């Protein structure tokens, strides 16, 4: 083989080695890029929503009431016609079947948006609730208030009492229709978090939740006054009902002070989410509330799933000092077994992929006899975000008597004489 051929072969080998190293580098780089893209995608899925239009926003788990996302969620702001969810639920809880409402002069004078009732005109109260919730008619709100409580002022008092009952400390109602107002108690306002809590009550906790969902989920409703001289058609203005699968309820609102507001709910599989928005733009930005609602609902659906967090605890025992032990009468102290009261075995919690529940066992280390069966000696707590989501008592499984002179003497007699008549004798001595 001459010198030229050797050089050619060497060059070819060098090219092959270089190509192999280049290919390996490209594969490694591709894998790193793919891994980075997957990590970015996972991070994107768990990152909280950004760039919301609303000045205040909340995403809530409707089952537990836990806030999954909040933006200035405790800032007090006017809430416009989202007020009417409270007006509606109070009416549903106090009205009677086929109750009739009569329009007063004050109701007929309410500004648009209104049904356009005339003083003295009569309707079934149930029909007026569809007008209230689908079209957000202000005269209908006043008619409801006057029929249920006798006056607007008395009805507003009922609204504030209900807010207090629900534990709402930053909500104050002045009007039943959400028009901006102020009285000695303050301005008509709430927070995004407390507005979401009102919706939770309406769709999850109220005894009239099914009727509330039926009304707010209706697309169109037709009715007439009692004389049959006037007919009305109400179309639902909650466009979110057709924007996402599972949307079940909601209420829009707008005033000059409040801006665009919205509260709505979505149920998919076993999960129910609530979104509340305050000050979500002013004209001409009517669509901002739908953009924010979809973003928050999609975040909830993508990141939160129910997990069973119940854990069977190891066998627990407590030393009971000066207790009688039938198995060993010479033993001064005994051990009592404990059990968890009403253990559920399944405790489902809506959790994000990176969230975990802390389990805390708080139990007495030692007791003094006597102890009774069912006596509470501790507590098992399930904690999420420093909030207790599950609490279960730890109880004594079987009681233990105090080790006394008569108890010891009785056991000795039973042991050495095997004579049951001693039982009655020593019971009488006590």
Protein backbone atom coordinates (compact mmCIF):
# COMPACT_ATOMS: atom_id res chain seq x y z
CA UNK A 1 0.00 0.00 0.00
CA UNK A 2 1.56 3.31 -1.07
CA UNK A 3 1.75 6.48 0.94
CA UNK A 4 -1.21 8.21 -0.84
CA UNK A 5 -3.65 5.37 -0.09
CA UNK A 6 -2.68 5.44 3.57
CA UNK A 7 -3.41 9.18 3.70
CA UNK A 8 -6.81 8.72 1.99
CA UNK A 9 -7.82 5.97 4.45
CA UNK A 10 -6.71 8.12 7.40
CA UNK A 11 -8.78 11.05 6.18
CA UNK A 12 -11.84 8.82 5.69
CA UNK A 13 -11.49 7.37 9.20
CA UNK A 14 -11.18 10.87 10.61
CA UNK A 15 -14.33 11.98 8.78
CA UNK A 16 -16.27 8.92 10.08
CA UNK A 17 -15.19 9.58 13.67
CA UNK A 18 -16.14 13.27 13.37
CA UNK A 19 -19.56 12.39 11.91
CA UNK A 20 -20.21 9.93 14.76
CA UNK A 21 -19.33 12.49 17.42
CA UNK A 22 -21.46 15.13 15.69
CA UNK A 23 -24.46 12.79 15.53
CA UNK A 24 -24.05 11.91 19.20
CA UNK A 25 -23.94 15.59 20.13
CA UNK A 26 -27.06 16.36 18.10
CA UNK A 27 -28.96 13.47 19.74
CA UNK A 28 -27.92 14.66 23.21
CA UNK A 29 -28.92 18.22 22.37
CA UNK A 30 -32.29 17.04 21.00
CA UNK A 31 -32.95 15.02 24.14
CA UNK A 32 -32.05 17.97 26.33
CA UNK A 33 -34.33 20.24 24.30
CA UNK A 34 -37.17 17.71 24.50
CA UNK A 35 -36.65 17.31 28.23
CA UNK A 36 -36.61 21.08 28.62
CA UNK A 37 -39.80 21.43 26.57
CA UNK A 38 -41.53 18.77 28.69
CA UNK A 39 -40.38 20.50 31.88
CA UNK A 40 -41.59 23.85 30.55
CA UNK A 41 -44.93 22.28 29.64
CA UNK A 42 -45.32 20.76 33.11
CA UNK A 43 -44.34 24.09 34.68
CA UNK A 44 -46.82 25.87 32.44
CA UNK A 45 -49.59 23.53 33.58
CA UNK A 46 -48.95 24.20 37.27
CA UNK A 47 -48.16 27.91 37.01
CA UNK A 48 -50.96 30.10 38.31
CA UNK A 49 -52.92 32.18 35.77
CA UNK A 50 -51.24 35.42 34.74
CA UNK A 51 -52.38 38.69 33.20
CA UNK A 52 -55.99 38.60 34.36
CA UNK A 53 -58.09 41.64 33.48
CA UNK A 54 -60.09 41.55 36.73
CA UNK A 55 -58.79 43.63 39.61
CA UNK A 56 -60.10 40.97 42.00
CA UNK A 57 -60.46 37.29 41.11
CA UNK A 58 -60.99 33.93 42.82
CA UNK A 59 -61.04 30.30 41.75
CA UNK A 60 -62.71 28.21 44.46
CA UNK A 61 -63.29 24.52 45.07
CA UNK A 62 -67.07 24.52 45.56
CA UNK A 63 -67.01 21.34 47.63
CA UNK A 64 -64.66 22.53 50.38
CA UNK A 65 -64.76 26.30 49.87
CA UNK A 66 -60.98 26.33 49.52
CA UNK A 67 -59.52 29.15 47.43
CA UNK A 68 -57.35 27.58 44.72
CA UNK A 69 -56.28 30.90 43.23
CA UNK A 70 -56.73 34.47 44.34
CA UNK A 71 -55.87 37.91 43.08
CA UNK A 72 -56.68 40.71 45.53
CA UNK A 73 -59.40 38.33 46.66
CA UNK A 74 -60.06 40.20 49.92
CA UNK A 75 -60.19 43.71 48.45
CA UNK A 76 -63.63 45.28 49.02
CA UNK A 77 -65.30 46.37 45.77
CA UNK A 78 -68.87 46.97 44.49
CA UNK A 79 -70.41 43.86 42.89
CA UNK A 80 -73.27 45.21 40.74
CA UNK A 81 -75.94 42.67 39.72
CA UNK A 82 -74.02 39.64 40.99
CA UNK A 83 -75.89 40.79 44.13
CA UNK A 84 -78.97 39.09 42.71
CA UNK A 85 -77.72 35.58 43.54
CA UNK A 86 -78.30 36.47 47.20
CA UNK A 87 -81.68 38.04 46.38
CA UNK A 88 -82.72 34.90 44.53
CA UNK A 89 -81.63 32.35 47.14
CA UNK A 90 -83.34 34.23 49.98
CA UNK A 91 -86.56 34.39 47.94
CA UNK A 92 -86.39 30.67 47.17
CA UNK A 93 -85.90 29.82 50.85
CA UNK A 94 -88.85 31.96 52.02
CA UNK A 95 -91.45 31.85 49.24
CA UNK A 96 -94.50 29.60 49.14
CA UNK A 97 -95.93 27.62 46.23
CA UNK A 98 -97.84 29.79 43.75
CA UNK A 99 -97.04 32.93 45.73
CA UNK A 100 -98.24 36.09 43.97
CA UNK A 101 -96.32 39.36 43.81
CA UNK A 102 -97.82 42.79 43.10
CA UNK A 103 -95.79 45.59 41.51
CA UNK A 104 -95.58 48.75 43.61
CA UNK A 105 -95.06 52.26 42.27
CA UNK A 106 -91.48 52.12 43.57
CA UNK A 107 -90.80 48.84 41.73
CA UNK A 108 -92.27 50.23 38.52
CA UNK A 109 -89.97 53.27 38.75
CA UNK A 110 -86.71 51.29 38.72
CA UNK A 111 -84.17 52.14 35.99
CA UNK A 112 -83.10 49.92 33.15
CA UNK A 113 -82.38 47.14 32.86
CA UNK A 114 -86.01 46.45 33.86
CA UNK A 115 -88.94 44.21 32.98
CA UNK A 116 -91.18 47.26 32.55
CA UNK A 117 -93.92 46.35 35.05
CA UNK A 118 -96.85 48.67 35.80
CA UNK A 119 -98.06 49.56 39.27
CA UNK A 120 -100.65 47.03 40.44
CA UNK A 121 -99.63 44.38 37.91
CA UNK A 122 -99.50 40.87 39.41
CA UNK A 123 -97.28 37.85 38.67
CA UNK A 124 -96.34 34.52 40.13
CA UNK A 125 -93.23 35.13 42.21
CA UNK A 126 -91.50 32.12 40.64
CA UNK A 127 -91.82 33.73 37.17
CA UNK A 128 -90.30 36.95 38.46
CA UNK A 129 -87.23 35.02 39.67
CA UNK A 130 -86.48 34.04 36.07
CA UNK A 131 -86.73 37.72 35.11
CA UNK A 132 -84.38 38.55 38.00
CA UNK A 133 -81.68 36.01 37.12
CA UNK A 134 -81.83 35.68 33.33
CA UNK A 135 -82.32 39.32 32.32
CA UNK A 136 -81.16 40.94 35.59
CA UNK A 137 -84.25 43.19 35.78
CA UNK A 138 -84.01 45.80 38.53
CA UNK A 139 -87.78 46.19 39.00
CA UNK A 140 -88.08 42.42 39.50
CA UNK A 141 -85.52 42.61 42.35
CA UNK A 142 -87.58 45.26 44.12
CA UNK A 143 -90.78 43.24 43.63
CA UNK A 144 -89.10 40.18 45.16
CA UNK A 145 -87.81 42.19 48.12
CA UNK A 146 -91.17 43.83 48.86
CA UNK A 147 -93.06 40.55 48.61
CA UNK A 148 -90.70 38.51 50.81
CA UNK A 149 -89.97 41.08 53.52
CA UNK A 150 -92.61 43.82 53.13
CA UNK A 151 -90.11 46.48 52.11
CA UNK A 152 -86.74 46.85 50.42
CA UNK A 153 -85.15 47.95 53.70
CA UNK A 154 -86.42 44.87 55.54
CA UNK A 155 -85.24 42.60 52.74
CA UNK A 156 -81.76 44.17 52.72
CA UNK A 157 -81.61 43.44 56.44
CA UNK A 158 -82.34 39.78 55.63
CA UNK A 159 -79.53 39.82 53.06
CA UNK A 160 -77.03 41.16 55.58
CA UNK A 161 -78.18 38.66 58.20
CA UNK A 162 -77.65 35.84 55.70
CA UNK A 163 -74.17 37.21 54.93
CA UNK A 164 -73.37 37.16 58.64
CA UNK A 165 -74.74 33.62 58.92
CA UNK A 166 -72.36 32.54 56.13
CA UNK A 167 -69.41 34.07 57.96
CA UNK A 168 -68.94 36.96 55.53
CA UNK A 169 -67.27 39.86 57.31
CA UNK A 170 -66.54 42.18 54.37
CA UNK A 171 -69.88 42.03 52.55
CA UNK A 172 -72.53 44.72 52.95
CA UNK A 173 -75.81 44.95 51.04
CA UNK A 174 -77.69 48.21 50.47
CA UNK A 175 -79.92 47.26 47.51
CA UNK A 176 -81.49 43.95 46.35
CA UNK A 177 -80.62 44.59 42.69
CA UNK A 178 -76.96 45.62 43.00
CA UNK A 179 -77.34 49.27 42.03
CA UNK A 180 -74.61 51.31 43.70
CA UNK A 181 -75.68 52.64 47.08
CA UNK A 182 -74.61 53.58 50.58
CA UNK A 183 -76.23 53.63 54.01
CA UNK A 184 -75.11 53.95 57.62
CA UNK A 185 -73.50 50.49 57.38
CA UNK A 186 -71.30 51.43 54.42
CA UNK A 187 -71.28 51.08 50.65
CA UNK A 188 -72.84 48.23 48.71
CA UNK A 189 -69.80 45.94 48.27
CA UNK A 190 -68.15 42.56 48.80
CA UNK A 191 -64.91 40.77 47.98
CA UNK A 192 -64.21 38.21 45.25
CA UNK A 193 -63.69 35.55 47.90
CA UNK A 194 -66.95 36.30 49.70
CA UNK A 195 -68.88 36.52 46.44
CA UNK A 196 -67.59 33.03 45.60
CA UNK A 197 -68.72 31.86 49.07
CA UNK A 198 -72.24 33.15 48.39
CA UNK A 199 -72.31 31.20 45.12
CA UNK A 200 -71.04 28.10 46.95
CA UNK A 201 -73.97 28.40 49.34
CA UNK A 202 -76.43 28.85 46.46
CA UNK A 203 -75.31 25.78 44.48
CA UNK A 204 -73.95 23.44 47.16
CA UNK A 205 -75.42 24.11 50.61
CA UNK A 206 -78.82 25.79 50.38
CA UNK A 207 -81.90 23.54 50.71
CA UNK A 208 -83.12 25.27 47.51
CA UNK A 209 -79.91 24.68 45.53
CA UNK A 210 -81.63 22.55 42.86
CA UNK A 211 -84.21 25.24 42.12
CA UNK A 212 -81.46 27.87 42.01
CA UNK A 213 -79.52 25.77 39.48
CA UNK A 214 -82.68 25.17 37.46
CA UNK A 215 -83.43 28.90 37.20
CA UNK A 216 -79.86 30.07 36.49
CA UNK A 217 -79.26 27.26 33.99
CA UNK A 218 -82.40 28.03 31.90
CA UNK A 219 -81.63 29.45 28.46
CA UNK A 220 -85.01 31.08 27.80
CA UNK A 221 -88.21 31.48 29.78
CA UNK A 222 -91.73 32.68 28.81
CA UNK A 223 -94.45 33.86 31.18
CA UNK A 224 -97.50 36.18 31.44
CA UNK A 225 -98.96 38.38 34.13
CA UNK A 226 -101.90 36.94 36.10
CA UNK A 227 -104.50 38.70 33.96
CA UNK A 228 -102.88 37.28 30.85
CA UNK A 229 -102.79 40.67 29.17
CA UNK A 230 -99.01 40.92 28.90
CA UNK A 231 -96.47 38.26 27.91
CA UNK A 232 -92.73 38.29 28.50
CA UNK A 233 -89.68 36.41 27.22
CA UNK A 234 -86.45 36.26 29.23
CA UNK A 235 -83.17 35.19 27.66
CA UNK A 236 -80.23 34.15 29.80
CA UNK A 237 -77.35 36.65 29.52
CA UNK A 238 -74.83 34.27 31.09
CA UNK A 239 -72.90 33.49 27.89
CA UNK A 240 -70.49 31.26 29.83
CA UNK A 241 -73.16 28.52 29.90
CA UNK A 242 -72.30 27.74 26.27
CA UNK A 243 -68.56 28.47 26.42
CA UNK A 244 -67.33 25.43 28.36
CA UNK A 245 -68.66 21.92 28.93
CA UNK A 246 -70.04 21.61 32.43
CA UNK A 247 -70.99 25.26 33.02
CA UNK A 248 -74.00 25.12 35.37
CA UNK A 249 -74.71 28.59 36.77
CA UNK A 250 -73.65 32.21 36.85
CA UNK A 251 -74.60 35.86 37.09
CA UNK A 252 -73.24 38.93 35.34
CA UNK A 253 -73.21 42.50 36.61
CA UNK A 254 -72.26 46.03 35.64
CA UNK A 255 -72.45 49.53 37.11
CA UNK A 256 -70.29 52.57 36.55
CA UNK A 257 -68.59 52.08 39.93
CA UNK A 258 -68.30 48.28 39.82
CA UNK A 259 -67.30 47.75 36.21
CA UNK A 260 -68.01 44.34 34.71
CA UNK A 261 -68.46 41.62 37.34
CA UNK A 262 -69.18 37.91 37.15
CA UNK A 263 -69.65 34.86 39.32
CA UNK A 264 -70.12 31.43 37.77
CA UNK A 265 -69.78 27.70 38.36
CA UNK A 266 -68.63 24.70 36.35
CA UNK A 267 -69.05 21.01 37.20
CA UNK A 268 -67.06 18.33 35.43
CA UNK A 269 -66.70 14.75 36.64
CA UNK A 270 -66.80 15.08 40.43
CA UNK A 271 -65.15 18.50 40.52
CA UNK A 272 -67.07 21.77 40.90
CA UNK A 273 -65.28 25.10 40.47
CA UNK A 274 -66.49 28.64 41.17
CA UNK A 275 -65.01 31.78 39.62
CA UNK A 276 -65.73 35.26 40.98
CA UNK A 277 -64.52 38.43 39.25
CA UNK A 278 -64.84 42.07 40.33
CA UNK A 279 -63.85 45.18 38.37
CA UNK A 280 -63.15 43.15 35.23
CA UNK A 281 -62.95 46.04 32.78
CA UNK A 282 -65.25 48.87 31.74
CA UNK A 283 -66.82 49.62 28.34
CA UNK A 284 -65.84 48.67 25.72
CA UNK A 285 -64.34 45.55 27.32
CA UNK A 286 -67.43 43.46 28.01
CA UNK A 287 -65.64 40.27 26.94
CA UNK A 288 -62.84 40.49 29.51
CA UNK A 289 -64.90 38.60 32.11
CA UNK A 290 -65.34 35.62 29.77
CA UNK A 291 -61.61 35.50 29.00
CA UNK A 292 -60.71 35.55 32.70
CA UNK A 293 -63.36 32.98 33.61
CA UNK A 294 -62.18 30.52 30.96
CA UNK A 295 -58.53 30.98 31.97
CA UNK A 296 -59.29 30.28 35.63
CA UNK A 297 -61.59 27.32 34.93
CA UNK A 298 -59.04 25.73 32.57
CA UNK A 299 -56.34 26.16 35.20
CA UNK A 300 -58.52 24.34 37.74
CA UNK A 301 -59.41 21.52 35.35
CA UNK A 302 -55.79 21.01 34.26
CA UNK A 303 -54.17 21.01 37.67
CA UNK A 304 -56.59 19.76 40.32
CA UNK A 305 -57.76 16.18 40.84
CA UNK A 306 -59.32 14.35 43.78
CA UNK A 307 -56.94 12.09 45.72
CA UNK A 308 -57.70 9.77 48.63
CA UNK A 309 -55.44 11.02 51.43
CA UNK A 310 -56.73 8.72 54.19
CA UNK A 311 -53.97 6.71 55.86
CA UNK A 312 -54.43 3.78 58.23
CA UNK A 313 -52.41 4.65 61.33
CA UNK A 314 -50.22 2.07 63.11
CA UNK A 315 -51.66 0.40 66.22
CA UNK A 316 -51.74 2.93 69.05
CA UNK A 317 -51.66 2.19 72.81
CA UNK A 318 -51.66 4.34 75.95
CA UNK A 319 -50.20 3.43 79.34
CA UNK A 320 -52.86 3.67 82.07
CA UNK A 321 -51.32 4.10 85.52
CA UNK A 322 -52.78 2.30 88.57
CA UNK A 323 -55.15 0.28 86.39
CA UNK A 324 -56.39 -3.23 86.97
CA UNK A 325 -55.20 -5.91 84.57
CA UNK A 326 -57.19 -9.13 84.65
CA UNK A 327 -54.45 -11.01 82.81
CA UNK A 328 -51.69 -9.99 85.24
CA UNK A 329 -52.96 -8.89 88.64
CA UNK A 330 -49.41 -8.13 89.83
CA UNK A 331 -48.84 -5.57 87.09
CA UNK A 332 -49.41 -2.05 88.40
CA UNK A 333 -49.91 -0.33 85.05
CA UNK A 334 -51.84 -1.55 82.00
CA UNK A 335 -51.99 -0.62 78.35
CA UNK A 336 -55.25 0.56 76.74
CA UNK A 337 -55.86 0.16 73.01
CA UNK A 338 -57.38 3.06 71.12
CA UNK A 339 -59.40 3.47 67.92
CA UNK A 340 -60.39 6.31 65.61
CA UNK A 341 -64.03 7.34 65.83
CA UNK A 342 -65.98 7.09 62.56
CA UNK A 343 -62.91 6.58 60.40
CA UNK A 344 -63.93 7.21 56.78
CA UNK A 345 -61.29 4.97 55.08
CA UNK A 346 -61.78 7.28 52.06
CA UNK A 347 -60.99 10.98 52.43
CA UNK A 348 -60.97 12.61 49.01
CA UNK A 349 -59.37 16.03 48.68
CA UNK A 350 -59.02 18.20 45.57
CA UNK A 351 -55.25 18.66 45.21
CA UNK A 352 -52.78 20.06 42.76
CA UNK A 353 -50.10 17.65 41.57
CA UNK A 354 -47.45 19.26 43.79
CA UNK A 355 -49.63 19.44 46.94
CA UNK A 356 -49.71 17.02 49.86
CA UNK A 357 -51.78 16.71 53.01
CA UNK A 358 -50.06 16.69 56.40
CA UNK A 359 -51.30 14.20 59.02
CA UNK A 360 -50.95 15.20 62.67
CA UNK A 361 -51.66 12.77 65.54
CA UNK A 362 -52.16 14.41 68.93
CA UNK A 363 -52.70 11.89 71.72
CA UNK A 364 -52.25 11.54 75.48
CA UNK A 365 -49.03 9.69 76.36
CA UNK A 366 -50.30 8.35 79.68
CA UNK A 367 -53.51 8.30 81.71
CA UNK A 368 -54.53 7.48 85.25
CA UNK A 369 -57.21 4.89 85.93
CA UNK A 370 -60.10 4.60 85.68
CA UNK A 371 -60.70 5.10 81.96
CA UNK A 372 -64.02 4.55 80.23
CA UNK A 373 -64.75 2.90 76.90
CA UNK A 374 -65.22 5.63 74.28
CA UNK A 375 -63.28 8.21 76.31
CA UNK A 376 -61.56 10.76 74.04
CA UNK A 377 -57.77 10.66 74.39
CA UNK A 378 -56.58 12.38 71.23
CA UNK A 379 -57.23 13.62 67.74
CA UNK A 380 -56.04 12.89 64.20
CA UNK A 381 -55.93 15.94 61.96
CA UNK A 382 -55.54 16.20 58.20
CA UNK A 383 -54.02 19.59 57.35
CA UNK A 384 -53.74 21.40 54.01
CA UNK A 385 -52.30 24.91 53.74
CA UNK A 386 -52.42 25.19 57.56
CA UNK A 387 -56.19 24.53 57.44
CA UNK A 388 -57.76 21.47 59.05
CA UNK A 389 -59.67 19.58 56.35
CA UNK A 390 -60.42 16.47 58.40
CA UNK A 391 -60.55 15.87 62.16
CA UNK A 392 -61.20 12.53 63.89
CA UNK A 393 -61.35 11.70 67.60
CA UNK A 394 -59.16 8.96 69.10
CA UNK A 395 -61.14 6.93 71.66
CA UNK A 396 -60.41 4.24 74.26
CA UNK A 397 -61.46 0.87 72.84
CA UNK A 398 -62.23 -0.82 76.19
CA UNK A 399 -62.32 0.64 79.71
CA UNK A 400 -59.97 -0.11 82.61
CA UNK A 401 -60.84 0.06 86.31
CA UNK A 402 -58.68 1.62 89.01
CA UNK A 403 -56.36 -0.77 90.86
CA UNK A 404 -57.62 -0.56 94.47
CA UNK A 405 -57.18 -2.74 97.56
CA UNK A 406 -60.60 -4.35 97.03
CA UNK A 407 -59.89 -4.94 93.35
CA UNK A 408 -56.63 -6.74 94.19
CA UNK A 409 -58.25 -8.74 97.01
CA UNK A 410 -61.12 -9.78 94.76
CA UNK A 411 -58.76 -10.96 92.02
CA UNK A 412 -56.69 -12.92 94.57
CA UNK A 413 -59.79 -14.65 95.88
CA UNK A 414 -60.91 -15.51 92.36
CA UNK A 415 -57.44 -16.76 91.51
CA UNK A 416 -56.84 -18.92 94.60
CA UNK A 417 -60.33 -20.05 95.53
CA UNK A 418 -62.11 -19.92 92.13
CA UNK A 419 -65.25 -19.05 93.99
CA UNK A 420 -67.63 -16.65 92.21
CA UNK A 421 -69.60 -15.82 95.33
CA UNK A 422 -66.73 -13.46 96.32
CA UNK A 423 -67.78 -11.20 93.46
CA UNK A 424 -71.04 -10.28 95.12
CA UNK A 425 -69.39 -9.97 98.52
CA UNK A 426 -66.79 -7.44 97.46
CA UNK A 427 -69.27 -5.50 95.35
CA UNK A 428 -71.37 -5.06 98.49
CA UNK A 429 -68.30 -3.88 100.43
CA UNK A 430 -67.82 -1.04 97.94
